[in-house]
Amino acid sequence: MNVQLASYTVRPATVRTLGAITLAGLAVVIAGLFLAPARIWPALLVANYYVLTLGLAGVVFVALMFAARAGWSTVFRRIPEAMSGILPVNFLGMLLMAFGLSTLYEWTHRDVLANDVLLAGKAAYLNIGMFMLRMVLYFVVWLTFALYLRRNSLHQDSSGDERLTERNMRASACFLVLFALTFWLAGTDWIMSIEAHWFSTIFGVYNIAGMLTSGIAAITLLLIVLRRRGVFGDLIRADHLHDLGKLLFAFSTFWMYIWFSQYMLIWYSNIPEEAVYYLRRQEGGWLTFTILNVLFNWVIPFVTLISARAKKAEGLLLKVCIIVLVGHWIDVFWMVSPTFMPDAPRIGVWEVAPLAAFVALFFLLTLRGLSRGNVVPVQDPTLVESLHYHA
């Protein structure tokens, strides 16, 4: 294909808007560190983790396609590749969290450990030194593979070396194994240990399911928006949207399956230290969030996308993607915030500003990443398959 057709430039107005939102949000965050630290630290964790899942989902999507030798997504693969550009920012965000650990995690308080047998028993794992070391190791794994896969993909545009595709296929198989382990542990460290007396053996799977669902939604949303702006010309077919719609439908249902499995097991076993997690989320205003969580992440996507025609309807698919992305924020907020807002959820400037800053920066870095190379992998050996794909 013509390489010129594969170029993309971010609109200056888009850069200014997203940049302004990011700077305004960061200004509020800095103010919040002094004026409302008890609210800004949980909000920072929610925002950072939420956007981290989108960036990681991009890497996982690319790795899944390489490992499965699936060529149908090659034409828009640069979108999930570019989504990984937010990961260094997430790393810096988690390093910043070191200053708020005492606000977020009760296991960091020595006086609590001295009077709590359960937390004292977990001290060999839940301590600040090991917590920070594991965090660095997680990001080393994620960033190493993200950079390796993207570098090979971009280099192939100029070299045309088909061996780079084979290398990415082998690396992707390794990454998927390491990712499952590291992200499972990361969710345990950063989210589940907020309520360190509570535990669930499928919490890691639950977080992976949410990451995949929201990641597919973000990829699809970006693809539709860029397609409407004429970036891909006529290269994107209804069949590509159909397959993305099927993935969104499938992972949304998988998320609901894990959500229900976790809830059901805890409900019928009725063990106090486990049941308290859901009791807290079924009282007061948190019951509304629990209902919205299920509605946005499963009920609406399931009912809307159940037909094949709906999965190919660009406008409808775009709306569902927005709903799912909002739903994923509800899910992360629902997992983190009840500990800090036990009576009812509060959503004010301290909660909105960090989210707005991270989300705006995610889209800005993703779009800039797309502009740094061909928006289509023009020398990839599977591109022809992707261009003539029929679902």
Protein backbone atom coordinates (compact mmCIF):
# COMPACT_ATOMS: atom_id res chain seq x y z
CA MET A 1 0.00 0.00 0.00
CA ASN A 2 1.00 3.64 -0.27
CA VAL A 3 3.04 4.61 2.80
CA GLN A 4 1.77 8.18 2.58
CA LEU A 5 -1.76 6.99 3.24
CA ALA A 6 -0.54 5.49 6.51
CA SER A 7 0.69 8.78 8.04
CA TYR A 8 -1.09 10.54 10.89
CA THR A 9 -0.67 13.93 12.53
CA VAL A 10 -2.34 14.97 15.77
CA ARG A 11 -4.42 18.09 15.42
CA PRO A 12 -2.87 21.06 17.31
CA ALA A 13 -6.26 21.84 18.85
CA THR A 14 -6.45 18.29 20.21
CA VAL A 15 -2.98 18.59 21.74
CA ARG A 16 -3.85 21.93 23.35
CA THR A 17 -7.13 20.66 24.78
CA LEU A 18 -5.74 17.44 26.19
CA GLY A 19 -2.64 19.24 27.46
CA ALA A 20 -4.74 21.88 29.22
CA ILE A 21 -6.89 19.23 30.92
CA THR A 22 -3.77 17.38 32.05
CA LEU A 23 -2.11 20.49 33.50
CA ALA A 24 -5.30 21.67 35.21
CA GLY A 25 -5.82 18.24 36.74
CA LEU A 26 -2.22 18.06 37.95
CA ALA A 27 -2.53 21.50 39.53
CA VAL A 28 -5.55 20.32 41.52
CA VAL A 29 -3.69 17.15 42.52
CA ILE A 30 -0.74 19.14 43.84
CA ALA A 31 -3.10 21.35 45.83
CA GLY A 32 -4.90 18.28 47.12
CA LEU A 33 -1.69 16.77 48.49
CA PHE A 34 -1.62 19.64 50.97
CA LEU A 35 -5.32 20.46 51.41
CA ALA A 36 -7.00 17.04 51.28
CA PRO A 37 -4.43 14.21 51.38
CA ALA A 38 -6.95 11.72 52.76
CA ARG A 39 -9.00 12.07 49.56
CA ILE A 40 -6.34 12.77 46.96
CA TRP A 41 -4.22 9.65 47.61
CA PRO A 42 -7.09 7.18 47.03
CA ALA A 43 -8.19 9.24 44.01
CA LEU A 44 -4.65 9.11 42.59
CA LEU A 45 -4.56 5.35 43.03
CA VAL A 46 -7.92 4.97 41.26
CA ALA A 47 -6.89 7.22 38.36
CA ASN A 48 -3.44 5.72 37.93
CA TYR A 49 -4.63 2.12 38.13
CA TYR A 50 -7.54 2.81 35.78
CA VAL A 51 -5.30 4.23 33.07
CA LEU A 52 -2.62 1.60 33.71
CA THR A 53 -5.13 -1.10 32.79
CA LEU A 54 -5.79 0.62 29.46
CA GLY A 55 -2.11 0.88 28.62
CA LEU A 56 -1.41 -2.71 29.64
CA ALA A 57 -4.44 -3.92 27.72
CA GLY A 58 -2.88 -2.51 24.57
CA VAL A 59 0.27 -4.59 25.10
CA VAL A 60 -1.75 -7.69 25.97
CA PHE A 61 -3.94 -7.30 22.87
CA VAL A 62 -0.88 -7.06 20.62
CA ALA A 63 0.73 -10.05 22.35
CA LEU A 64 -2.44 -12.12 22.03
CA MET A 65 -2.63 -11.40 18.32
CA PHE A 66 1.04 -12.30 17.80
CA ALA A 67 0.89 -15.43 19.96
CA ALA A 68 -2.25 -16.64 18.18
CA ARG A 69 -0.78 -15.71 14.77
CA ALA A 70 -3.98 -13.76 14.14
CA GLY A 71 -3.64 -11.39 11.20
CA TRP A 72 -7.10 -9.85 11.15
CA SER A 73 -6.12 -6.98 13.51
CA THR A 74 -2.82 -6.04 11.84
CA VAL A 75 -4.26 -3.02 10.00
CA PHE A 76 -5.08 -1.21 13.27
CA ARG A 77 -2.39 -2.79 15.48
CA ARG A 78 -0.59 0.53 15.91
CA ILE A 79 -3.47 1.74 18.11
CA PRO A 80 -2.92 -0.80 20.93
CA GLU A 81 0.83 -0.43 20.44
CA ALA A 82 0.57 3.32 21.01
CA MET A 83 -1.63 2.84 24.07
CA SER A 84 1.38 1.44 25.91
CA GLY A 85 2.94 4.92 25.83
CA ILE A 86 1.21 5.74 29.12
CA LEU A 87 3.07 3.03 31.05
CA PRO A 88 6.14 5.14 31.98
CA VAL A 89 3.77 7.75 33.41
CA ASN A 90 1.99 5.04 35.40
CA PHE A 91 5.38 3.95 36.75
CA LEU A 92 6.12 7.48 37.94
CA GLY A 93 2.63 7.66 39.41
CA MET A 94 3.15 4.48 41.41
CA LEU A 95 6.54 5.74 42.62
CA LEU A 96 4.74 8.87 43.84
CA MET A 97 2.40 6.59 45.76
CA ALA A 98 5.31 5.76 48.07
CA PHE A 99 4.60 9.05 49.85
CA GLY A 100 0.96 8.07 50.42
CA LEU A 101 1.33 4.46 51.53
CA SER A 102 0.51 5.27 55.15
CA THR A 103 -2.77 6.84 54.03
CA LEU A 104 -3.73 3.98 51.72
CA TYR A 105 -2.62 0.84 53.55
CA GLU A 106 -3.12 0.05 57.20
CA TRP A 107 -0.42 -2.63 57.12
CA THR A 108 2.19 0.15 56.90
CA HIS A 109 1.43 1.21 60.52
CA ARG A 110 3.60 -0.50 63.12
CA ASP A 111 1.10 0.09 65.91
CA VAL A 112 -1.56 -1.75 63.88
CA LEU A 113 0.75 -4.71 63.24
CA ALA A 114 1.55 -4.94 66.96
CA ASN A 115 -2.13 -5.51 67.78
CA ASP A 116 -3.29 -7.43 64.70
CA VAL A 117 -2.25 -11.08 64.46
CA LEU A 118 -3.52 -11.51 60.90
CA LEU A 119 -1.64 -8.50 59.51
CA ALA A 120 1.47 -9.42 61.49
CA GLY A 121 1.37 -12.84 59.84
CA LYS A 122 1.40 -11.18 56.42
CA ALA A 123 4.23 -8.78 57.29
CA ALA A 124 6.87 -10.81 55.44
CA TYR A 125 4.98 -10.07 52.21
CA LEU A 126 3.16 -6.84 53.05
CA ASN A 127 5.95 -4.49 53.99
CA ILE A 128 7.05 -1.26 52.32
CA GLY A 129 10.39 -2.56 51.06
CA MET A 130 8.98 -5.66 49.38
CA PHE A 131 5.96 -3.71 48.13
CA MET A 132 8.15 -1.19 46.31
CA LEU A 133 10.55 -3.84 45.01
CA ARG A 134 7.69 -5.88 43.53
CA MET A 135 6.22 -2.75 41.97
CA VAL A 136 9.50 -1.98 40.20
CA LEU A 137 9.78 -5.58 38.98
CA TYR A 138 6.23 -5.48 37.57
CA PHE A 139 6.97 -2.39 35.53
CA VAL A 140 10.35 -3.69 34.37
CA VAL A 141 8.58 -6.72 32.87
CA TRP A 142 5.74 -4.71 31.32
CA LEU A 143 7.90 -1.92 29.90
CA THR A 144 10.56 -4.28 28.56
CA PHE A 145 8.11 -6.31 26.52
CA ALA A 146 6.04 -3.28 25.46
CA LEU A 147 9.12 -1.51 24.11
CA TYR A 148 10.47 -4.67 22.47
CA LEU A 149 7.24 -5.47 20.61
CA ARG A 150 6.73 -1.88 19.46
CA ARG A 151 10.35 -1.37 18.43
CA ASN A 152 10.32 -4.49 16.26
CA SER A 153 7.01 -3.49 14.71
CA LEU A 154 8.18 0.02 13.82
CA HIS A 155 11.56 -1.18 12.59
CA GLN A 156 9.85 -3.61 10.23
CA ASP A 157 8.28 -0.67 8.36
CA SER A 158 11.70 0.36 7.10
CA SER A 159 13.53 -2.98 6.99
CA GLY A 160 10.74 -5.27 5.76
CA ASP A 161 12.38 -8.07 7.73
CA GLU A 162 9.74 -10.78 8.29
CA ARG A 163 11.87 -12.32 11.03
CA LEU A 164 10.80 -9.46 13.29
CA THR A 165 7.26 -10.80 13.20
CA GLU A 166 8.52 -14.23 14.28
CA ARG A 167 10.50 -12.66 17.11
CA ASN A 168 7.43 -10.80 18.32
CA MET A 169 5.41 -14.01 18.22
CA ARG A 170 7.92 -15.80 20.46
CA ALA A 171 8.28 -12.83 22.80
CA SER A 172 4.49 -12.48 23.06
CA ALA A 173 4.07 -16.05 24.27
CA CYS A 174 6.61 -15.39 27.06
CA PHE A 175 5.04 -12.05 27.93
CA LEU A 176 1.53 -13.43 28.33
CA VAL A 177 2.72 -15.91 30.96
CA LEU A 178 4.71 -13.27 32.86
CA PHE A 179 1.91 -10.73 32.52
CA ALA A 180 -0.70 -13.06 34.05
CA LEU A 181 1.53 -13.60 37.09
CA THR A 182 2.71 -10.01 37.57
CA PHE A 183 -0.66 -8.33 37.02
CA TRP A 184 -2.34 -10.82 39.36
CA LEU A 185 0.18 -9.91 42.07
CA ALA A 186 -0.05 -6.19 41.27
CA GLY A 187 -3.83 -6.23 41.79
CA THR A 188 -3.28 -8.05 45.09
CA ASP A 189 -0.65 -5.54 46.22
CA TRP A 190 -2.25 -2.30 45.12
CA ILE A 191 -5.97 -3.00 45.45
CA MET A 192 -6.74 -6.03 47.62
CA SER A 193 -4.22 -5.12 50.34
CA ILE A 194 -6.18 -1.91 51.01
CA GLU A 195 -8.48 -4.23 52.94
CA ALA A 196 -5.77 -6.64 54.03
CA HIS A 197 -8.07 -8.73 56.24
CA TRP A 198 -10.11 -9.65 53.17
CA PHE A 199 -8.94 -12.05 50.50
CA SER A 200 -10.19 -13.72 47.34
CA THR A 201 -8.41 -16.38 45.32
CA ILE A 202 -9.91 -15.13 42.04
CA PHE A 203 -9.32 -11.42 42.59
CA GLY A 204 -6.45 -11.49 40.11
CA VAL A 205 -8.66 -13.03 37.41
CA TYR A 206 -11.31 -10.42 38.18
CA ASN A 207 -8.83 -7.60 37.56
CA ILE A 208 -7.57 -9.22 34.36
CA ALA A 209 -11.15 -9.54 33.11
CA GLY A 210 -11.83 -5.85 33.80
CA MET A 211 -8.58 -4.84 32.13
CA LEU A 212 -9.36 -6.82 28.97
CA THR A 213 -12.92 -5.51 28.73
CA SER A 214 -11.95 -1.86 29.12
CA GLY A 215 -8.91 -2.31 26.89
CA ILE A 216 -10.97 -3.67 24.00
CA ALA A 217 -13.39 -0.77 24.51
CA ALA A 218 -10.54 1.77 24.35
CA ILE A 219 -9.05 0.21 21.20
CA THR A 220 -12.45 0.14 19.51
CA LEU A 221 -13.27 3.72 20.52
CA LEU A 222 -9.96 5.03 19.18
CA LEU A 223 -10.34 3.05 15.96
CA ILE A 224 -13.84 4.41 15.30
CA VAL A 225 -12.87 8.01 16.08
CA LEU A 226 -9.76 7.85 13.88
CA ARG A 227 -11.70 6.12 11.12
CA ARG A 228 -14.28 8.90 11.16
CA ARG A 229 -11.46 11.41 10.78
CA GLY A 230 -10.31 9.60 7.67
CA VAL A 231 -7.05 8.34 9.15
CA PHE A 232 -7.46 4.78 7.83
CA GLY A 233 -9.24 5.68 4.62
CA ASP A 234 -11.27 2.65 3.55
CA LEU A 235 -8.88 0.12 5.12
CA ILE A 236 -11.12 -0.66 8.10
CA ARG A 237 -13.98 -2.99 7.24
CA ALA A 238 -17.21 -3.72 9.08
CA ASP A 239 -15.72 -7.15 9.74
CA HIS A 240 -12.96 -5.61 11.86
CA LEU A 241 -15.55 -3.81 13.98
CA HIS A 242 -17.58 -7.01 14.16
CA ASP A 243 -14.66 -8.94 15.67
CA LEU A 244 -13.89 -6.16 18.14
CA GLY A 245 -17.57 -6.13 19.09
CA LYS A 246 -17.45 -9.87 19.64
CA LEU A 247 -14.39 -9.54 21.86
CA LEU A 248 -16.04 -6.75 23.86
CA PHE A 249 -19.18 -8.85 24.25
CA ALA A 250 -17.17 -11.92 25.28
CA PHE A 251 -14.86 -10.26 27.79
CA SER A 252 -17.76 -8.32 29.32
CA THR A 253 -19.56 -11.58 29.92
CA PHE A 254 -16.37 -13.15 31.28
CA TRP A 255 -16.05 -10.21 33.70
CA MET A 256 -19.62 -10.81 34.89
CA TYR A 257 -18.93 -14.53 35.31
CA ILE A 258 -15.95 -13.81 37.57
CA TRP A 259 -17.84 -11.06 39.44
CA PHE A 260 -20.72 -13.43 40.17
CA SER A 261 -18.41 -16.33 41.05
CA GLN A 262 -16.56 -14.22 43.62
CA TYR A 263 -19.79 -12.81 45.06
CA MET A 264 -21.58 -16.17 45.20
CA LEU A 265 -18.70 -18.02 46.90
CA ILE A 266 -18.36 -15.34 49.55
CA TRP A 267 -22.12 -15.05 50.06
CA TYR A 268 -22.91 -18.72 50.64
CA SER A 269 -19.80 -19.45 52.73
CA ASN A 270 -20.74 -16.45 54.94
CA ILE A 271 -17.32 -16.12 56.60
CA PRO A 272 -17.28 -12.77 58.44
CA GLU A 273 -13.85 -11.57 57.28
CA GLU A 274 -14.86 -12.29 53.67
CA ALA A 275 -18.50 -11.16 53.77
CA VAL A 276 -17.64 -7.73 55.17
CA TYR A 277 -16.22 -6.75 51.77
CA TYR A 278 -19.61 -7.00 50.08
CA LEU A 279 -21.60 -5.83 53.10
CA ARG A 280 -19.73 -2.53 52.96
CA ARG A 281 -20.59 -2.24 49.26
CA GLN A 282 -24.28 -3.00 49.75
CA GLU A 283 -24.99 -0.29 52.29
CA GLY A 284 -25.94 3.33 51.77
CA GLY A 285 -24.87 4.95 48.53
CA TRP A 286 -22.47 2.10 47.74
CA LEU A 287 -25.38 -0.14 46.78
CA THR A 288 -26.06 2.24 43.89
CA PHE A 289 -22.46 1.88 42.74
CA THR A 290 -22.70 -1.90 42.97
CA ILE A 291 -25.76 -1.86 40.72
CA LEU A 292 -24.18 0.61 38.29
CA ASN A 293 -21.06 -1.55 38.20
CA VAL A 294 -23.01 -4.55 36.90
CA LEU A 295 -25.17 -2.44 34.58
CA PHE A 296 -22.32 -0.62 32.86
CA ASN A 297 -19.86 -3.49 32.66
CA TRP A 298 -22.22 -6.27 31.65
CA VAL A 299 -25.98 -5.70 31.36
CA ILE A 300 -25.85 -2.83 28.84
CA PRO A 301 -23.04 -4.30 26.67
CA PHE A 302 -24.70 -7.75 26.72
CA VAL A 303 -28.16 -6.55 25.74
CA THR A 304 -26.87 -4.06 23.19
CA LEU A 305 -24.30 -6.23 21.42
CA ILE A 306 -26.09 -9.57 21.43
CA SER A 307 -26.91 -9.36 17.70
CA ALA A 308 -24.36 -9.57 14.90
CA ARG A 309 -25.76 -6.41 13.29
CA ALA A 310 -25.18 -4.39 16.47
CA LYS A 311 -21.52 -5.42 16.56
CA LYS A 312 -21.03 -3.91 13.09
CA ALA A 313 -22.96 -0.69 13.81
CA GLU A 314 -20.22 1.90 14.26
CA GLY A 315 -22.30 4.47 16.13
CA LEU A 316 -23.82 1.95 18.51
CA LEU A 317 -20.49 0.27 19.15
CA LEU A 318 -18.93 3.64 19.97
CA LYS A 319 -21.61 4.38 22.57
CA VAL A 320 -21.16 0.96 24.19
CA CYS A 321 -17.40 1.52 24.37
CA ILE A 322 -17.94 4.79 26.24
CA ILE A 323 -20.34 3.07 28.64
CA VAL A 324 -17.84 0.26 29.29
CA LEU A 325 -14.99 2.71 29.93
CA VAL A 326 -17.15 4.62 32.42
CA GLY A 327 -18.13 1.27 33.91
CA HIS A 328 -14.51 0.27 34.39
CA TRP A 329 -13.86 3.49 36.32
CA ILE A 330 -16.90 2.68 38.48
CA ASP A 331 -15.42 -0.78 39.07
CA VAL A 332 -12.00 0.53 40.13
CA PHE A 333 -13.58 3.24 42.30
CA TRP A 334 -15.86 0.56 43.80
CA MET A 335 -12.86 -1.62 44.69
CA VAL A 336 -10.74 1.14 46.23
CA SER A 337 -12.88 3.86 47.79
CA PRO A 338 -15.33 2.25 50.28
CA THR A 339 -12.49 1.91 52.80
CA PHE A 340 -11.98 5.67 52.74
CA MET A 341 -15.65 6.63 52.32
CA PRO A 342 -17.46 4.05 54.47
CA ASP A 343 -20.75 5.94 54.74
CA ALA A 344 -21.32 6.92 51.09
CA PRO A 345 -19.33 7.61 47.93
CA ARG A 346 -18.13 11.16 47.46
CA ILE A 347 -17.21 12.42 44.02
CA GLY A 348 -15.84 15.92 44.01
CA VAL A 349 -12.96 17.89 42.56
CA TRP A 350 -10.38 15.76 44.42
CA GLU A 351 -11.69 12.61 42.72
CA VAL A 352 -12.38 14.07 39.27
CA ALA A 353 -9.13 16.02 38.78
CA PRO A 354 -6.68 13.07 38.96
CA LEU A 355 -8.91 11.01 36.67
CA ALA A 356 -9.24 13.82 34.13
CA ALA A 357 -5.47 14.39 34.15
CA PHE A 358 -4.57 10.73 33.63
CA VAL A 359 -7.24 10.07 31.01
CA ALA A 360 -6.33 13.19 29.02
CA LEU A 361 -2.66 12.26 29.19
CA PHE A 362 -3.46 8.72 28.08
CA PHE A 363 -5.21 9.91 24.93
CA LEU A 364 -2.55 12.57 24.27
CA LEU A 365 0.33 10.08 24.49
CA THR A 366 -1.56 7.50 22.47
CA LEU A 367 -2.27 9.93 19.65
CA ARG A 368 1.29 11.25 19.70
CA GLY A 369 2.55 7.67 19.60
CA LEU A 370 0.47 7.05 16.50
CA SER A 371 1.97 10.11 14.82
CA ARG A 372 5.57 8.93 15.33
CA GLY A 373 5.37 6.23 12.70
CA ASN A 374 3.11 4.72 10.10
CA VAL A 375 -0.38 4.28 11.48
CA VAL A 376 -0.51 0.97 9.57
CA PRO A 377 2.30 -1.66 9.72
CA VAL A 378 2.96 -1.39 5.99
CA GLN A 379 5.63 -4.13 5.82
CA ASP A 380 4.00 -6.68 8.10
CA PRO A 381 3.55 -10.03 6.30
CA THR A 382 0.04 -10.44 7.73
CA LEU A 383 -1.22 -7.05 6.50
CA VAL A 384 -2.68 -8.46 3.28
CA GLU A 385 -4.73 -10.92 5.31
CA SER A 386 -5.99 -8.06 7.48
CA LEU A 387 -6.92 -5.84 4.53
CA HIS A 388 -8.99 -8.59 2.91
CA TYR A 389 -10.42 -9.96 6.14
CA HIS A 390 -13.94 -11.40 6.21
CA ALA A 391 -15.42 -12.35 9.60
